[in-house]
C-alpha atoms as a PDB file:
ATOM      1  CA  MET A   1      43.724-145.146  70.390  1.00  0.00           C
ATOM      2  CA  PRO A   2      46.083-143.063  68.972  1.00  0.00           C
ATOM      3  CA  TYR A   3      44.328-142.915  65.303  1.00  0.00           C
ATOM      4  CA  LEU A   4      41.698-141.816  66.702  1.00  0.00           C
ATOM      5  CA  VAL A   5      43.321-138.617  68.946  1.00  0.00           C
ATOM      6  CA  HIS A   6      45.263-138.134  65.610  1.00  0.00           C
ATOM      7  CA  THR A   7      42.164-137.934  63.597  1.00  0.00           C
ATOM      8  CA  THR A   8      40.410-135.669  65.851  1.00  0.00           C
ATOM      9  CA  ALA A   9      43.382-133.448  65.936  1.00  0.00           C
ATOM     10  CA  TRP A  10      43.670-133.371  62.193  1.00  0.00           C
ATOM     11  CA  VAL A  11      40.012-132.308  62.454  1.00  0.00           C
ATOM     12  CA  LEU A  12      40.662-129.492  64.639  1.00  0.00           C
ATOM     13  CA  CYS A  13      43.498-128.333  62.256  1.00  0.00           C
ATOM     14  CA  LEU A  14      41.143-128.401  59.315  1.00  0.00           C
ATOM     15  CA  ILE A  15      38.419-126.491  61.323  1.00  0.00           C
ATOM     16  CA  SER A  16      40.838-123.874  62.811  1.00  0.00           C
ATOM     17  CA  PRO A  17      44.094-122.779  61.628  1.00  0.00           C
ATOM     18  CA  LYS A  18      45.129-121.985  65.388  1.00  0.00           C
ATOM     19  CA  GLY A  19      44.223-125.842  65.848  1.00  0.00           C
ATOM     20  CA  MET A  20      47.310-126.766  63.647  1.00  0.00           C
ATOM     21  CA  ASN A  21      49.696-126.169  66.762  1.00  0.00           C
ATOM     22  CA  ILE A  22      47.822-128.129  69.471  1.00  0.00           C
ATOM     23  CA  ALA A  23      47.564-130.802  66.415  1.00  0.00           C
ATOM     24  CA  VAL A  24      50.998-131.216  65.777  1.00  0.00           C
ATOM     25  CA  LEU A  25      51.790-130.954  69.850  1.00  0.00           C
ATOM     26  CA  VAL A  26      49.618-133.927  70.077  1.00  0.00           C
ATOM     27  CA  PHE A  27      51.061-135.598  67.299  1.00  0.00           C
ATOM     28  CA  ALA A  28      54.197-135.139  68.640  1.00  0.00           C
ATOM     29  CA  ILE A  29      53.468-136.226  72.140  1.00  0.00           C
ATOM     30  CA  HIS A  30      51.815-139.352  70.711  1.00  0.00           C
ATOM     31  CA  SER A  31      54.887-140.367  68.410  1.00  0.00           C
ATOM     32  CA  SER A  32      57.409-139.880  71.388  1.00  0.00           C
END
């Protein structure tokens, strides 16, 4: 579920600033 993955990445982004990079990468991978 792309939405679930994106939401999880977004939550991680909020929890940790460093998680933002991972969230961007995950979103980019699922968007391609």
